[in-house]
N, C-alpha and C. Protein backbone atom coordinates (compact mmCIF):
# COMPACT_ATOMS: atom_id res chain seq x y z
N MET A 1 128.77 100.66 78.46
CA MET A 1 129.88 101.08 79.29
C MET A 1 130.17 99.96 80.29
N ILE A 2 131.44 99.74 80.50
CA ILE A 2 131.85 98.76 81.51
C ILE A 2 132.63 99.48 82.60
N ASN A 3 132.63 98.90 83.78
CA ASN A 3 133.44 99.45 84.86
C ASN A 3 134.43 98.39 85.30
N PHE A 4 135.48 98.83 85.95
CA PHE A 4 136.49 97.90 86.43
C PHE A 4 136.99 98.37 87.78
N ALA A 5 137.44 97.42 88.58
CA ALA A 5 137.98 97.71 89.90
C ALA A 5 139.26 96.92 90.07
N GLY A 6 140.11 97.34 90.99
CA GLY A 6 141.37 96.66 91.24
C GLY A 6 142.49 97.19 90.38
N LEU A 7 142.29 98.34 89.80
CA LEU A 7 143.26 98.93 88.89
C LEU A 7 144.50 99.41 89.64
N SER A 8 145.66 99.22 89.06
CA SER A 8 146.90 99.72 89.63
C SER A 8 146.84 101.25 89.68
N PHE A 9 147.42 101.83 90.73
CA PHE A 9 147.44 103.28 90.86
C PHE A 9 148.29 103.93 89.77
N TYR A 10 149.09 103.14 89.08
CA TYR A 10 149.98 103.67 88.05
C TYR A 10 149.41 103.55 86.65
N THR A 11 148.22 103.00 86.50
CA THR A 11 147.61 102.86 85.18
C THR A 11 146.99 104.19 84.78
N SER A 12 147.37 104.69 83.62
CA SER A 12 146.83 105.95 83.10
C SER A 12 145.61 105.66 82.21
N GLU A 13 144.90 106.71 81.85
CA GLU A 13 143.76 106.55 80.94
C GLU A 13 144.24 106.08 79.57
N GLU A 14 145.42 106.54 79.15
CA GLU A 14 145.98 106.11 77.87
C GLU A 14 146.31 104.61 77.91
N GLY A 15 146.93 104.18 79.01
CA GLY A 15 147.28 102.77 79.16
C GLY A 15 146.04 101.89 79.24
N LEU A 16 145.02 102.39 79.91
CA LEU A 16 143.76 101.67 80.02
C LEU A 16 143.11 101.51 78.65
N SER A 17 143.07 102.60 77.91
CA SER A 17 142.49 102.57 76.57
C SER A 17 143.24 101.60 75.67
N GLU A 18 144.55 101.61 75.77
CA GLU A 18 145.38 100.71 74.96
C GLU A 18 145.11 99.24 75.32
N ALA A 19 145.03 98.94 76.61
CA ALA A 19 144.80 97.56 77.05
C ALA A 19 143.43 97.04 76.62
N PHE A 20 142.41 97.89 76.70
CA PHE A 20 141.06 97.46 76.37
C PHE A 20 140.74 97.57 74.88
N SER A 21 141.55 98.28 74.11
CA SER A 21 141.28 98.44 72.68
C SER A 21 141.47 97.15 71.90
N GLN A 22 142.13 96.16 72.47
CA GLN A 22 142.28 94.88 71.76
C GLN A 22 140.95 94.14 71.62
N TYR A 23 139.90 94.60 72.34
CA TYR A 23 138.59 93.95 72.27
C TYR A 23 137.58 94.75 71.47
N GLY A 24 137.97 95.93 70.99
CA GLY A 24 137.08 96.74 70.17
C GLY A 24 137.45 98.21 70.22
N GLN A 25 136.63 99.02 69.57
CA GLN A 25 136.88 100.46 69.49
C GLN A 25 136.48 101.13 70.80
N VAL A 26 137.50 101.65 71.52
CA VAL A 26 137.27 102.34 72.78
C VAL A 26 136.89 103.79 72.47
N ILE A 27 135.70 104.19 72.91
CA ILE A 27 135.25 105.56 72.73
C ILE A 27 135.84 106.45 73.83
N GLU A 28 135.84 105.93 75.07
CA GLU A 28 136.39 106.69 76.20
C GLU A 28 136.89 105.73 77.26
N ALA A 29 138.01 106.08 77.87
CA ALA A 29 138.55 105.34 79.02
C ALA A 29 138.77 106.36 80.12
N LYS A 30 138.16 106.12 81.27
CA LYS A 30 138.20 107.08 82.37
C LYS A 30 138.69 106.39 83.64
N VAL A 31 139.77 106.89 84.22
CA VAL A 31 140.26 106.43 85.51
C VAL A 31 139.77 107.45 86.54
N VAL A 32 139.08 106.99 87.57
CA VAL A 32 138.55 107.89 88.60
C VAL A 32 139.68 108.29 89.54
N MET A 33 139.85 109.60 89.70
CA MET A 33 140.94 110.14 90.49
C MET A 33 140.43 110.76 91.78
N ASP A 34 141.25 110.68 92.83
CA ASP A 34 140.96 111.33 94.10
C ASP A 34 141.27 112.82 93.94
N ARG A 35 140.34 113.67 94.36
CA ARG A 35 140.52 115.11 94.17
C ARG A 35 141.65 115.69 95.01
N THR A 36 141.83 115.20 96.20
CA THR A 36 142.85 115.79 97.07
C THR A 36 144.26 115.29 96.78
N SER A 37 144.39 114.00 96.53
CA SER A 37 145.74 113.45 96.31
C SER A 37 146.10 113.39 94.82
N ASP A 38 145.11 113.59 93.95
CA ASP A 38 145.29 113.49 92.49
C ASP A 38 145.88 112.14 92.09
N ARG A 39 145.47 111.11 92.84
CA ARG A 39 145.91 109.73 92.59
C ARG A 39 144.70 108.88 92.22
N SER A 40 144.92 107.86 91.45
CA SER A 40 143.84 106.96 91.04
C SER A 40 143.16 106.34 92.25
N LYS A 41 141.84 106.20 92.19
CA LYS A 41 141.10 105.50 93.24
C LYS A 41 141.06 104.00 92.99
N GLY A 42 141.63 103.55 91.87
CA GLY A 42 141.72 102.12 91.59
C GLY A 42 140.54 101.56 90.81
N PHE A 43 139.69 102.45 90.27
CA PHE A 43 138.60 101.97 89.43
C PHE A 43 138.28 103.00 88.35
N GLY A 44 137.49 102.60 87.39
CA GLY A 44 137.15 103.50 86.30
C GLY A 44 136.17 102.86 85.34
N PHE A 45 136.07 103.46 84.14
CA PHE A 45 135.07 103.05 83.16
C PHE A 45 135.67 103.06 81.76
N VAL A 46 135.16 102.17 80.93
CA VAL A 46 135.52 102.14 79.51
C VAL A 46 134.23 102.07 78.71
N THR A 47 134.13 102.92 77.69
CA THR A 47 132.97 102.93 76.81
C THR A 47 133.39 102.42 75.44
N TYR A 48 132.66 101.44 74.94
CA TYR A 48 132.93 100.86 73.62
C TYR A 48 131.93 101.36 72.59
N ALA A 49 132.30 101.20 71.32
CA ALA A 49 131.43 101.61 70.23
C ALA A 49 130.21 100.70 70.10
N SER A 50 130.31 99.44 70.56
CA SER A 50 129.17 98.52 70.45
C SER A 50 129.05 97.64 71.69
N GLU A 51 127.87 97.11 71.89
CA GLU A 51 127.62 96.21 73.03
C GLU A 51 128.44 94.92 72.89
N ASP A 52 128.58 94.42 71.67
CA ASP A 52 129.34 93.19 71.44
C ASP A 52 130.79 93.34 71.88
N GLU A 53 131.38 94.49 71.59
CA GLU A 53 132.76 94.74 72.00
C GLU A 53 132.87 94.81 73.52
N ALA A 54 131.91 95.46 74.16
CA ALA A 54 131.91 95.55 75.62
C ALA A 54 131.75 94.17 76.24
N GLU A 55 130.87 93.35 75.66
CA GLU A 55 130.65 91.99 76.16
C GLU A 55 131.93 91.16 76.06
N LYS A 56 132.63 91.31 74.96
CA LYS A 56 133.88 90.58 74.77
C LYS A 56 134.93 91.02 75.79
N ALA A 57 135.02 92.33 76.05
CA ALA A 57 135.99 92.84 77.03
C ALA A 57 135.67 92.34 78.43
N VAL A 58 134.39 92.31 78.79
CA VAL A 58 134.00 91.82 80.12
C VAL A 58 134.41 90.36 80.27
N SER A 59 134.09 89.55 79.29
CA SER A 59 134.39 88.12 79.40
C SER A 59 135.89 87.83 79.35
N GLU A 60 136.64 88.61 78.59
CA GLU A 60 138.07 88.35 78.44
C GLU A 60 138.94 88.97 79.54
N MET A 61 138.54 90.13 80.07
CA MET A 61 139.40 90.85 81.01
C MET A 61 139.06 90.61 82.48
N ASN A 62 137.85 90.16 82.79
CA ASN A 62 137.47 89.97 84.18
C ASN A 62 138.35 88.92 84.84
N GLY A 63 139.01 89.30 85.93
CA GLY A 63 139.88 88.38 86.66
C GLY A 63 141.29 88.27 86.11
N LYS A 64 141.59 89.03 85.06
CA LYS A 64 142.93 88.99 84.46
C LYS A 64 143.81 90.08 85.08
N GLN A 65 145.12 89.96 84.86
CA GLN A 65 146.06 90.95 85.38
C GLN A 65 146.25 92.08 84.39
N LEU A 66 146.32 93.28 84.95
CA LEU A 66 146.64 94.47 84.18
C LEU A 66 147.59 95.30 85.03
N ASN A 67 148.80 95.51 84.53
CA ASN A 67 149.83 96.25 85.26
C ASN A 67 150.09 95.67 86.65
N GLY A 68 150.12 94.35 86.75
CA GLY A 68 150.46 93.68 88.00
C GLY A 68 149.32 93.52 88.99
N ARG A 69 148.11 93.92 88.64
CA ARG A 69 146.96 93.79 89.54
C ARG A 69 145.84 93.05 88.84
N VAL A 70 145.11 92.24 89.59
CA VAL A 70 143.94 91.55 89.04
C VAL A 70 142.80 92.56 88.98
N VAL A 71 142.20 92.71 87.80
CA VAL A 71 141.10 93.65 87.62
C VAL A 71 139.78 92.89 87.52
N PHE A 72 138.74 93.50 88.05
CA PHE A 72 137.40 92.94 88.00
C PHE A 72 136.56 93.83 87.09
N VAL A 73 136.03 93.23 86.05
CA VAL A 73 135.34 93.99 85.00
C VAL A 73 133.89 93.54 84.94
N ASP A 74 132.99 94.50 84.84
CA ASP A 74 131.55 94.21 84.76
C ASP A 74 130.86 95.36 84.04
N TYR A 75 129.59 95.18 83.73
CA TYR A 75 128.82 96.25 83.10
C TYR A 75 128.54 97.34 84.13
N ALA A 76 128.69 98.58 83.71
CA ALA A 76 128.43 99.71 84.61
C ALA A 76 126.94 99.80 84.88
N LYS A 77 126.60 100.11 86.12
CA LYS A 77 125.20 100.27 86.51
C LYS A 77 124.87 101.76 86.51
N PRO A 78 123.63 102.12 86.21
CA PRO A 78 123.28 103.55 86.24
C PRO A 78 123.44 104.11 87.64
N ARG A 79 123.80 105.38 87.70
CA ARG A 79 123.95 106.05 89.00
C ARG A 79 122.60 106.16 89.67
N SER A 80 122.61 105.98 90.98
CA SER A 80 121.37 106.04 91.73
C SER A 80 121.02 107.45 92.17
N GLY A 81 121.94 108.37 92.07
CA GLY A 81 121.68 109.74 92.46
C GLY A 81 121.97 110.02 93.93
N PHE A 82 122.47 109.04 94.68
CA PHE A 82 122.77 109.25 96.08
C PHE A 82 124.26 109.48 96.25
N GLY A 83 124.61 110.41 97.13
CA GLY A 83 126.00 110.65 97.48
C GLY A 83 126.82 111.19 96.34
N GLY A 84 128.08 111.37 96.59
CA GLY A 84 129.02 111.77 95.57
C GLY A 84 129.02 113.25 95.25
N GLY A 85 128.24 114.05 95.94
CA GLY A 85 128.22 115.46 95.64
C GLY A 85 127.75 116.27 96.82
N MET A 86 127.68 117.54 96.59
CA MET A 86 127.22 118.44 97.65
C MET A 86 125.70 118.34 97.76
N PRO A 87 125.16 118.41 98.96
CA PRO A 87 123.71 118.39 99.12
C PRO A 87 123.10 119.65 98.52
N ILE A 88 121.90 119.52 98.05
CA ILE A 88 121.19 120.66 97.48
C ILE A 88 120.50 121.41 98.60
N ALA A 89 120.76 122.72 98.70
CA ALA A 89 120.13 123.54 99.73
C ALA A 89 118.70 123.80 99.32
N ARG A 90 117.78 123.47 100.18
CA ARG A 90 116.37 123.63 99.87
C ARG A 90 115.66 124.59 100.83
N GLY A 91 116.36 125.16 101.78
CA GLY A 91 115.74 126.07 102.73
C GLY A 91 115.18 125.32 103.92
N PRO A 92 114.52 126.06 104.84
CA PRO A 92 113.99 125.42 106.04
C PRO A 92 112.81 124.52 105.70
N PRO A 93 112.58 123.49 106.50
CA PRO A 93 111.46 122.58 106.23
C PRO A 93 110.14 123.31 106.43
N GLU A 94 109.15 122.91 105.66
CA GLU A 94 107.83 123.51 105.79
C GLU A 94 107.10 122.84 106.95
N SER A 95 106.30 123.63 107.67
CA SER A 95 105.52 123.10 108.78
C SER A 95 104.30 122.37 108.26
N ALA A 96 103.95 121.32 108.97
CA ALA A 96 102.71 120.61 108.65
C ALA A 96 101.54 121.45 109.15
N PRO A 97 100.39 121.39 108.46
CA PRO A 97 99.23 122.18 108.90
C PRO A 97 98.88 121.86 110.35
N GLY A 98 98.61 122.90 111.14
CA GLY A 98 98.24 122.71 112.54
C GLY A 98 99.41 122.68 113.50
N ASN A 99 100.64 122.72 112.96
CA ASN A 99 101.82 122.69 113.83
C ASN A 99 102.57 124.02 113.84
N GLU A 100 101.91 125.10 113.42
CA GLU A 100 102.55 126.40 113.40
C GLU A 100 102.73 126.90 114.82
N LEU A 101 103.86 127.50 115.09
CA LEU A 101 104.13 128.07 116.40
C LEU A 101 103.70 129.52 116.38
N VAL A 102 102.82 129.89 117.27
CA VAL A 102 102.32 131.26 117.34
C VAL A 102 102.94 131.90 118.57
N LEU A 103 103.89 132.82 118.34
CA LEU A 103 104.56 133.47 119.44
C LEU A 103 103.68 134.57 120.02
N GLY A 104 103.67 134.69 121.35
CA GLY A 104 102.93 135.74 122.02
C GLY A 104 101.44 135.48 122.10
N SER A 105 101.02 134.26 121.90
CA SER A 105 99.60 133.94 121.94
C SER A 105 99.12 133.80 123.37
N ASP A 106 97.99 134.43 123.67
CA ASP A 106 97.39 134.31 124.99
C ASP A 106 96.28 133.26 125.00
N ASN A 107 96.06 132.63 123.89
CA ASN A 107 94.97 131.67 123.78
C ASN A 107 95.42 130.33 124.34
N LYS A 108 94.82 129.88 125.43
CA LYS A 108 95.20 128.60 126.07
C LYS A 108 94.90 127.42 125.17
N GLN A 109 93.83 127.51 124.36
CA GLN A 109 93.48 126.41 123.45
C GLN A 109 94.58 126.23 122.41
N GLU A 110 95.09 127.31 121.82
CA GLU A 110 96.18 127.23 120.84
C GLU A 110 97.42 126.62 121.48
N THR A 111 97.77 127.06 122.68
CA THR A 111 98.96 126.56 123.37
C THR A 111 98.83 125.09 123.68
N SER A 112 97.66 124.64 124.14
CA SER A 112 97.49 123.23 124.45
C SER A 112 97.52 122.38 123.18
N ASN A 113 97.04 122.89 122.05
CA ASN A 113 97.11 122.14 120.80
C ASN A 113 98.57 121.98 120.37
N LEU A 114 99.35 123.04 120.52
CA LEU A 114 100.75 122.96 120.14
C LEU A 114 101.55 122.00 121.04
N LEU A 115 101.18 121.95 122.31
CA LEU A 115 101.91 121.09 123.24
C LEU A 115 101.35 119.67 123.29
N GLY A 116 100.23 119.44 122.60
CA GLY A 116 99.67 118.10 122.54
C GLY A 116 98.80 117.74 123.72
N TYR A 117 98.27 118.70 124.45
CA TYR A 117 97.39 118.44 125.61
C TYR A 117 95.96 118.35 125.18
């Protein structure tokens, strides 16, 4: 899979697939869209049937114009798993041993341990 940046906001997935198909069999062409404006974010991904085709597209298309804009093409990197989504709710943090708060305790030793005295 290759990624590209600098894409014109008017380039569709069909147009992208057509432009990149001259370098090999395009399995998928994806333009990343903004959810609120439903407009292109100016980057996306193309998946080829083989590594050789992807390599040819990277070398031929990087720095070239597509729909009036210079596009930057490179190999897609795996997602790191950070950002891009809603946080996972995991509940309240667990207390470390010895740091439990005991409400209503009359024991001065327990209170001083909790306060660090």
